[in-house]
Amino acid sequence: MVSAKYLHQVQSLLLSGFMSFIMSGAITFINLGWVDDFVSIWIHAWLVAYVIAFPTILLVFPFARKLAMKIASK
C-alpha cells in the first residue's frame, strides 16, 4: 500500500486515468464511429490523453478543491 501522504497523487493518477479513458473512447467514437481498428485507435488516444491529464489534474486539483469549498460553504 501507498502511504496516506501520497493520497493527492494517487487520487490524481486514478481520476486522470478513468476520465481520460472514458472521454477518449467517447470522442473517438463520435469522430470515427465503430471502425475496424477502433480499439487500437482508442487506446492510442487514451495514452496521449492520460499523459496530458495526469499532470493537469496535479496542478488544477488544489484550486478546484478550494473553489468547491467556497461554493459549497455558501
PDB file of N, CA and C in Angstrom:
ATOM      1  N   MET A   1       0.824  -1.191   0.000  1.00  0.00           N
ATOM      2  CA  MET A   1       0.000   0.000   0.000  1.00  0.00           C
ATOM      3  C   MET A   1       0.871   1.260   0.000  1.00  0.00           C
ATOM      4  N   VAL A   2       0.281   2.313  -0.492  1.00  0.00           N
ATOM      5  CA  VAL A   2       0.975   3.602  -0.569  1.00  0.00           C
ATOM      6  C   VAL A   2       0.617   4.420   0.668  1.00  0.00           C
ATOM      7  N   SER A   3       1.562   5.157   1.165  1.00  0.00           N
ATOM      8  CA  SER A   3       1.351   5.995   2.339  1.00  0.00           C
ATOM      9  C   SER A   3       0.257   7.030   2.078  1.00  0.00           C
ATOM     10  N   ALA A   4      -0.504   7.353   3.126  1.00  0.00           N
ATOM     11  CA  ALA A   4      -1.588   8.329   3.020  1.00  0.00           C
ATOM     12  C   ALA A   4      -1.081   9.715   2.623  1.00  0.00           C
ATOM     13  N   LYS A   5       0.189   9.984   2.840  1.00  0.00           N
ATOM     14  CA  LYS A   5       0.712  11.304   2.463  1.00  0.00           C
ATOM     15  C   LYS A   5       0.738  11.490   0.946  1.00  0.00           C
ATOM     16  N   TYR A   6       0.604  10.392   0.189  1.00  0.00           N
ATOM     17  CA  TYR A   6       0.563  10.466  -1.270  1.00  0.00           C
ATOM     18  C   TYR A   6      -0.859  10.369  -1.818  1.00  0.00           C
ATOM     19  N   LEU A   7      -1.841  10.603  -0.969  1.00  0.00           N
ATOM     20  CA  LEU A   7      -3.242  10.499  -1.374  1.00  0.00           C
ATOM     21  C   LEU A   7      -3.550  11.373  -2.587  1.00  0.00           C
ATOM     22  N   HIS A   8      -3.090  12.598  -2.588  1.00  0.00           N
ATOM     23  CA  HIS A   8      -3.365  13.520  -3.699  1.00  0.00           C
ATOM     24  C   HIS A   8      -2.829  12.968  -5.022  1.00  0.00           C
ATOM     25  N   GLN A   9      -1.609  12.449  -5.008  1.00  0.00           N
ATOM     26  CA  GLN A   9      -1.015  11.920  -6.235  1.00  0.00           C
ATOM     27  C   GLN A   9      -1.738  10.658  -6.709  1.00  0.00           C
ATOM     28  N   VAL A  10      -2.075   9.770  -5.782  1.00  0.00           N
ATOM     29  CA  VAL A  10      -2.774   8.535  -6.147  1.00  0.00           C
ATOM     30  C   VAL A  10      -4.170   8.858  -6.666  1.00  0.00           C
ATOM     31  N   GLN A  11      -4.851   9.752  -5.987  1.00  0.00           N
ATOM     32  CA  GLN A  11      -6.187  10.165  -6.424  1.00  0.00           C
ATOM     33  C   GLN A  11      -6.119  10.807  -7.808  1.00  0.00           C
ATOM     34  N   SER A  12      -5.135  11.632  -8.046  1.00  0.00           N
ATOM     35  CA  SER A  12      -4.960  12.268  -9.356  1.00  0.00           C
ATOM     36  C   SER A  12      -4.651  11.241 -10.438  1.00  0.00           C
ATOM     37  N   LEU A  13      -3.828  10.269 -10.118  1.00  0.00           N
ATOM     38  CA  LEU A  13      -3.497   9.209 -11.062  1.00  0.00           C
ATOM     39  C   LEU A  13      -4.752   8.431 -11.471  1.00  0.00           C
ATOM     40  N   LEU A  14      -5.567   8.069 -10.485  1.00  0.00           N
ATOM     41  CA  LEU A  14      -6.792   7.313 -10.767  1.00  0.00           C
ATOM     42  C   LEU A  14      -7.827   8.151 -11.519  1.00  0.00           C
ATOM     43  N   LEU A  15      -8.067   9.362 -11.042  1.00  0.00           N
ATOM     44  CA  LEU A  15      -9.055  10.220 -11.706  1.00  0.00           C
ATOM     45  C   LEU A  15      -8.664  10.535 -13.147  1.00  0.00           C
ATOM     46  N   SER A  16      -7.410  10.847 -13.370  1.00  0.00           N
ATOM     47  CA  SER A  16      -6.979  11.161 -14.731  1.00  0.00           C
ATOM     48  C   SER A  16      -7.069   9.928 -15.625  1.00  0.00           C
ATOM     49  N   GLY A  17      -6.794   8.761 -15.073  1.00  0.00           N
ATOM     50  CA  GLY A  17      -6.913   7.534 -15.852  1.00  0.00           C
ATOM     51  C   GLY A  17      -8.347   7.230 -16.243  1.00  0.00           C
ATOM     52  N   PHE A  18      -9.248   7.280 -15.271  1.00  0.00           N
ATOM     53  CA  PHE A  18     -10.656   6.997 -15.551  1.00  0.00           C
ATOM     54  C   PHE A  18     -11.261   8.011 -16.520  1.00  0.00           C
ATOM     55  N   MET A  19     -11.044   9.280 -16.238  1.00  0.00           N
ATOM     56  CA  MET A  19     -11.648  10.320 -17.068  1.00  0.00           C
ATOM     57  C   MET A  19     -11.082  10.322 -18.490  1.00  0.00           C
ATOM     58  N   SER A  20      -9.779  10.191 -18.622  1.00  0.00           N
ATOM     59  CA  SER A  20      -9.202  10.202 -19.958  1.00  0.00           C
ATOM     60  C   SER A  20      -9.612   8.959 -20.742  1.00  0.00           C
ATOM     61  N   PHE A  21      -9.758   7.826 -20.072  1.00  0.00           N
ATOM     62  CA  PHE A  21     -10.202   6.600 -20.733  1.00  0.00           C
ATOM     63  C   PHE A  21     -11.620   6.758 -21.285  1.00  0.00           C
ATOM     64  N   ILE A  22     -12.523   7.231 -20.447  1.00  0.00           N
ATOM     65  CA  ILE A  22     -13.922   7.393 -20.857  1.00  0.00           C
ATOM     66  C   ILE A  22     -14.056   8.469 -21.929  1.00  0.00           C
ATOM     67  N   MET A  23     -13.437   9.615 -21.721  1.00  0.00           N
ATOM     68  CA  MET A  23     -13.571  10.714 -22.668  1.00  0.00           C
ATOM     69  C   MET A  23     -12.913  10.394 -24.010  1.00  0.00           C
ATOM     70  N   SER A  24     -11.750   9.772 -24.000  1.00  0.00           N
ATOM     71  CA  SER A  24     -11.100   9.452 -25.275  1.00  0.00           C
ATOM     72  C   SER A  24     -11.912   8.422 -26.049  1.00  0.00           C
ATOM     73  N   GLY A  25     -12.521   7.473 -25.347  1.00  0.00           N
ATOM     74  CA  GLY A  25     -13.382   6.498 -26.019  1.00  0.00           C
ATOM     75  C   GLY A  25     -14.601   7.150 -26.633  1.00  0.00           C
ATOM     76  N   ALA A  26     -15.242   8.025 -25.875  1.00  0.00           N
ATOM     77  CA  ALA A  26     -16.439   8.702 -26.371  1.00  0.00           C
ATOM     78  C   ALA A  26     -16.114   9.592 -27.568  1.00  0.00           C
ATOM     79  N   ILE A  27     -15.054  10.363 -27.467  1.00  0.00           N
ATOM     80  CA  ILE A  27     -14.699  11.280 -28.542  1.00  0.00           C
ATOM     81  C   ILE A  27     -14.209  10.521 -29.782  1.00  0.00           C
ATOM     82  N   THR A  28     -13.477   9.444 -29.572  1.00  0.00           N
ATOM     83  CA  THR A  28     -13.051   8.622 -30.705  1.00  0.00           C
ATOM     84  C   THR A  28     -14.272   8.054 -31.425  1.00  0.00           C
ATOM     85  N   PHE A  29     -15.237   7.576 -30.650  1.00  0.00           N
ATOM     86  CA  PHE A  29     -16.449   7.020 -31.263  1.00  0.00           C
ATOM     87  C   PHE A  29     -17.249   8.097 -31.997  1.00  0.00           C
ATOM     88  N   ILE A  30     -17.384   9.266 -31.410  1.00  0.00           N
ATOM     89  CA  ILE A  30     -18.111  10.366 -32.052  1.00  0.00           C
ATOM     90  C   ILE A  30     -17.447  10.752 -33.371  1.00  0.00           C
ATOM     91  N   ASN A  31     -16.119  10.813 -33.372  1.00  0.00           N
ATOM     92  CA  ASN A  31     -15.392  11.245 -34.564  1.00  0.00           C
ATOM     93  C   ASN A  31     -15.291  10.177 -35.651  1.00  0.00           C
ATOM     94  N   LEU A  32     -15.162   8.906 -35.257  1.00  0.00           N
ATOM     95  CA  LEU A  32     -14.902   7.855 -36.248  1.00  0.00           C
ATOM     96  C   LEU A  32     -16.033   6.838 -36.396  1.00  0.00           C
ATOM     97  N   GLY A  33     -16.868   6.724 -35.381  1.00  0.00           N
ATOM     98  CA  GLY A  33     -17.838   5.635 -35.376  1.00  0.00           C
ATOM     99  C   GLY A  33     -17.117   4.334 -35.054  1.00  0.00           C
ATOM    100  N   TRP A  34     -17.810   3.206 -35.235  1.00  0.00           N
ATOM    101  CA  TRP A  34     -17.202   1.911 -34.929  1.00  0.00           C
ATOM    102  C   TRP A  34     -16.451   1.407 -36.160  1.00  0.00           C
ATOM    103  N   VAL A  35     -15.175   1.729 -36.258  1.00  0.00           N
ATOM    104  CA  VAL A  35     -14.337   1.287 -37.367  1.00  0.00           C
ATOM    105  C   VAL A  35     -13.593   0.014 -36.958  1.00  0.00           C
ATOM    106  N   ASP A  36     -12.972  -0.640 -37.941  1.00  0.00           N
ATOM    107  CA  ASP A  36     -12.306  -1.918 -37.684  1.00  0.00           C
ATOM    108  C   ASP A  36     -11.245  -1.855 -36.588  1.00  0.00           C
ATOM    109  N   ASP A  37     -10.431  -0.830 -36.601  1.00  0.00           N
ATOM    110  CA  ASP A  37      -9.359  -0.733 -35.604  1.00  0.00           C
ATOM    111  C   ASP A  37      -9.694   0.265 -34.489  1.00  0.00           C
ATOM    112  N   PHE A  38     -10.974   0.351 -34.145  1.00  0.00           N
ATOM    113  CA  PHE A  38     -11.445   1.300 -33.132  1.00  0.00           C
ATOM    114  C   PHE A  38     -10.675   1.170 -31.817  1.00  0.00           C
ATOM    115  N   VAL A  39     -10.526  -0.052 -31.329  1.00  0.00           N
ATOM    116  CA  VAL A  39      -9.902  -0.247 -30.018  1.00  0.00           C
ATOM    117  C   VAL A  39      -8.453   0.241 -30.011  1.00  0.00           C
ATOM    118  N   SER A  40      -7.706  -0.049 -31.049  1.00  0.00           N
ATOM    119  CA  SER A  40      -6.311   0.398 -31.071  1.00  0.00           C
ATOM    120  C   SER A  40      -6.214   1.923 -31.189  1.00  0.00           C
ATOM    121  N   ILE A  41      -7.108   2.524 -31.956  1.00  0.00           N
ATOM    122  CA  ILE A  41      -7.141   3.989 -32.056  1.00  0.00           C
ATOM    123  C   ILE A  41      -7.510   4.592 -30.704  1.00  0.00           C
ATOM    124  N   TRP A  42      -8.496   3.990 -30.044  1.00  0.00           N
ATOM    125  CA  TRP A  42      -8.942   4.462 -28.727  1.00  0.00           C
ATOM    126  C   TRP A  42      -7.810   4.373 -27.712  1.00  0.00           C
ATOM    127  N   ILE A  43      -7.123   3.249 -27.664  1.00  0.00           N
ATOM    128  CA  ILE A  43      -6.040   3.083 -26.691  1.00  0.00           C
ATOM    129  C   ILE A  43      -4.926   4.100 -26.944  1.00  0.00           C
ATOM    130  N   HIS A  44      -4.613   4.341 -28.198  1.00  0.00           N
ATOM    131  CA  HIS A  44      -3.592   5.348 -28.510  1.00  0.00           C
ATOM    132  C   HIS A  44      -4.050   6.725 -28.039  1.00  0.00           C
ATOM    133  N   ALA A  45      -5.300   7.077 -28.338  1.00  0.00           N
ATOM    134  CA  ALA A  45      -5.838   8.371 -27.904  1.00  0.00           C
ATOM    135  C   ALA A  45      -5.846   8.464 -26.382  1.00  0.00           C
ATOM    136  N   TRP A  46      -6.176   7.352 -25.714  1.00  0.00           N
ATOM    137  CA  TRP A  46      -6.214   7.344 -24.252  1.00  0.00           C
ATOM    138  C   TRP A  46      -4.825   7.579 -23.663  1.00  0.00           C
ATOM    139  N   LEU A  47      -3.820   6.920 -24.201  1.00  0.00           N
ATOM    140  CA  LEU A  47      -2.466   7.092 -23.674  1.00  0.00           C
ATOM    141  C   LEU A  47      -1.989   8.534 -23.825  1.00  0.00           C
ATOM    142  N   VAL A  48      -2.273   9.133 -24.964  1.00  0.00           N
ATOM    143  CA  VAL A  48      -1.910  10.537 -25.172  1.00  0.00           C
ATOM    144  C   VAL A  48      -2.659  11.429 -24.177  1.00  0.00           C
ATOM    145  N   ALA A  49      -3.955  11.181 -24.033  1.00  0.00           N
ATOM    146  CA  ALA A  49      -4.767  11.973 -23.107  1.00  0.00           C
ATOM    147  C   ALA A  49      -4.311  11.794 -21.663  1.00  0.00           C
ATOM    148  N   TYR A  50      -3.936  10.577 -21.295  1.00  0.00           N
ATOM    149  CA  TYR A  50      -3.502  10.296 -19.928  1.00  0.00           C
ATOM    150  C   TYR A  50      -2.223  11.057 -19.585  1.00  0.00           C
ATOM    151  N   VAL A  51      -1.313  11.109 -20.528  1.00  0.00           N
ATOM    152  CA  VAL A  51      -0.058  11.835 -20.322  1.00  0.00           C
ATOM    153  C   VAL A  51      -0.326  13.324 -20.085  1.00  0.00           C
ATOM    154  N   ILE A  52      -1.362  13.840 -20.700  1.00  0.00           N
ATOM    155  CA  ILE A  52      -1.733  15.243 -20.518  1.00  0.00           C
ATOM    156  C   ILE A  52      -2.579  15.426 -19.257  1.00  0.00           C
ATOM    157  N   ALA A  53      -3.502  14.504 -19.017  1.00  0.00           N
ATOM    158  CA  ALA A  53      -4.470  14.645 -17.921  1.00  0.00           C
ATOM    159  C   ALA A  53      -3.822  14.556 -16.545  1.00  0.00           C
ATOM    160  N   PHE A  54      -2.889  13.641 -16.350  1.00  0.00           N
ATOM    161  CA  PHE A  54      -2.320  13.448 -15.017  1.00  0.00           C
ATOM    162  C   PHE A  54      -1.620  14.693 -14.475  1.00  0.00           C
ATOM    163  N   PRO A  55      -0.676  15.283 -15.203  1.00  0.00           N
ATOM    164  CA  PRO A  55      -0.064  16.497 -14.650  1.00  0.00           C
ATOM    165  C   PRO A  55      -1.041  17.666 -14.555  1.00  0.00           C
ATOM    166  N   THR A  56      -2.027  17.699 -15.463  1.00  0.00           N
ATOM    167  CA  THR A  56      -3.034  18.763 -15.393  1.00  0.00           C
ATOM    168  C   THR A  56      -3.831  18.662 -14.105  1.00  0.00           C
ATOM    169  N   ILE A  57      -4.257  17.457 -13.754  1.00  0.00           N
ATOM    170  CA  ILE A  57      -5.014  17.273 -12.511  1.00  0.00           C
ATOM    171  C   ILE A  57      -4.151  17.596 -11.299  1.00  0.00           C
ATOM    172  N   LEU A  58      -2.879  17.218 -11.334  1.00  0.00           N
ATOM    173  CA  LEU A  58      -1.992  17.557 -10.212  1.00  0.00           C
ATOM    174  C   LEU A  58      -1.940  19.067  -9.994  1.00  0.00           C
ATOM    175  N   LEU A  59      -1.945  19.822 -11.082  1.00  0.00           N
ATOM    176  CA  LEU A  59      -1.862  21.277 -10.976  1.00  0.00           C
ATOM    177  C   LEU A  59      -3.203  21.922 -10.629  1.00  0.00           C
ATOM    178  N   VAL A  60      -4.291  21.406 -11.187  1.00  0.00           N
ATOM    179  CA  VAL A  60      -5.597  22.048 -11.062  1.00  0.00           C
ATOM    180  C   VAL A  60      -6.359  21.614  -9.811  1.00  0.00           C
ATOM    181  N   PHE A  61      -6.113  20.410  -9.327  1.00  0.00           N
ATOM    182  CA  PHE A  61      -6.894  19.868  -8.225  1.00  0.00           C
ATOM    183  C   PHE A  61      -6.920  20.755  -6.977  1.00  0.00           C
ATOM    184  N   PRO A  62      -5.797  21.290  -6.509  1.00  0.00           N
ATOM    185  CA  PRO A  62      -5.859  22.154  -5.317  1.00  0.00           C
ATOM    186  C   PRO A  62      -6.743  23.386  -5.523  1.00  0.00           C
ATOM    187  N   PHE A  63      -6.649  24.003  -6.690  1.00  0.00           N
ATOM    188  CA  PHE A  63      -7.502  25.155  -6.991  1.00  0.00           C
ATOM    189  C   PHE A  63      -8.970  24.746  -7.035  1.00  0.00           C
ATOM    190  N   ALA A  64      -9.260  23.630  -7.683  1.00  0.00           N
ATOM    191  CA  ALA A  64     -10.641  23.149  -7.793  1.00  0.00           C
ATOM    192  C   ALA A  64     -11.207  22.827  -6.412  1.00  0.00           C
ATOM    193  N   ARG A  65     -10.404  22.250  -5.542  1.00  0.00           N
ATOM    194  CA  ARG A  65     -10.857  21.928  -4.183  1.00  0.00           C
ATOM    195  C   ARG A  65     -11.207  23.209  -3.419  1.00  0.00           C
ATOM    196  N   LYS A  66     -10.352  24.225  -3.495  1.00  0.00           N
ATOM    197  CA  LYS A  66     -10.622  25.496  -2.811  1.00  0.00           C
ATOM    198  C   LYS A  66     -11.887  26.153  -3.357  1.00  0.00           C
ATOM    199  N   LEU A  67     -12.033  26.141  -4.665  1.00  0.00           N
ATOM    200  CA  LEU A  67     -13.215  26.730  -5.290  1.00  0.00           C
ATOM    201  C   LEU A  67     -14.469  25.973  -4.891  1.00  0.00           C
ATOM    202  N   ALA A  68     -14.404  24.663  -4.882  1.00  0.00           N
ATOM    203  CA  ALA A  68     -15.564  23.850  -4.491  1.00  0.00           C
ATOM    204  C   ALA A  68     -15.928  24.098  -3.027  1.00  0.00           C
ATOM    205  N   MET A  69     -14.937  24.269  -2.177  1.00  0.00           N
ATOM    206  CA  MET A  69     -15.219  24.546  -0.775  1.00  0.00           C
ATOM    207  C   MET A  69     -15.893  25.907  -0.603  1.00  0.00           C
ATOM    208  N   LYS A  70     -15.478  26.895  -1.390  1.00  0.00           N
ATOM    209  CA  LYS A  70     -16.128  28.204  -1.323  1.00  0.00           C
ATOM    210  C   LYS A  70     -17.578  28.120  -1.816  1.00  0.00           C
ATOM    211  N   ILE A  71     -17.788  27.396  -2.901  1.00  0.00           N
ATOM    212  CA  ILE A  71     -19.139  27.259  -3.455  1.00  0.00           C
ATOM    213  C   ILE A  71     -20.030  26.490  -2.500  1.00  0.00           C
ATOM    214  N   ALA A  72     -19.518  25.407  -1.937  1.00  0.00           N
ATOM    215  CA  ALA A  72     -20.319  24.551  -1.068  1.00  0.00           C
ATOM    216  C   ALA A  72     -20.589  25.196   0.289  1.00  0.00           C
ATOM    217  N   SER A  73     -19.761  26.118   0.711  1.00  0.00           N
ATOM    218  CA  SER A  73     -19.952  26.721   2.029  1.00  0.00           C
ATOM    219  C   SER A  73     -20.986  27.838   2.041  1.00  0.00           C
ATOM    220  N   LYS A  74     -21.438  28.260   0.856  1.00  0.00           N
ATOM    221  CA  LYS A  74     -22.418  29.348   0.796  1.00  0.00           C
ATOM    222  C   LYS A  74     -23.812  28.846   1.060  1.00  0.00           C
TER     223      LYS A  74
END
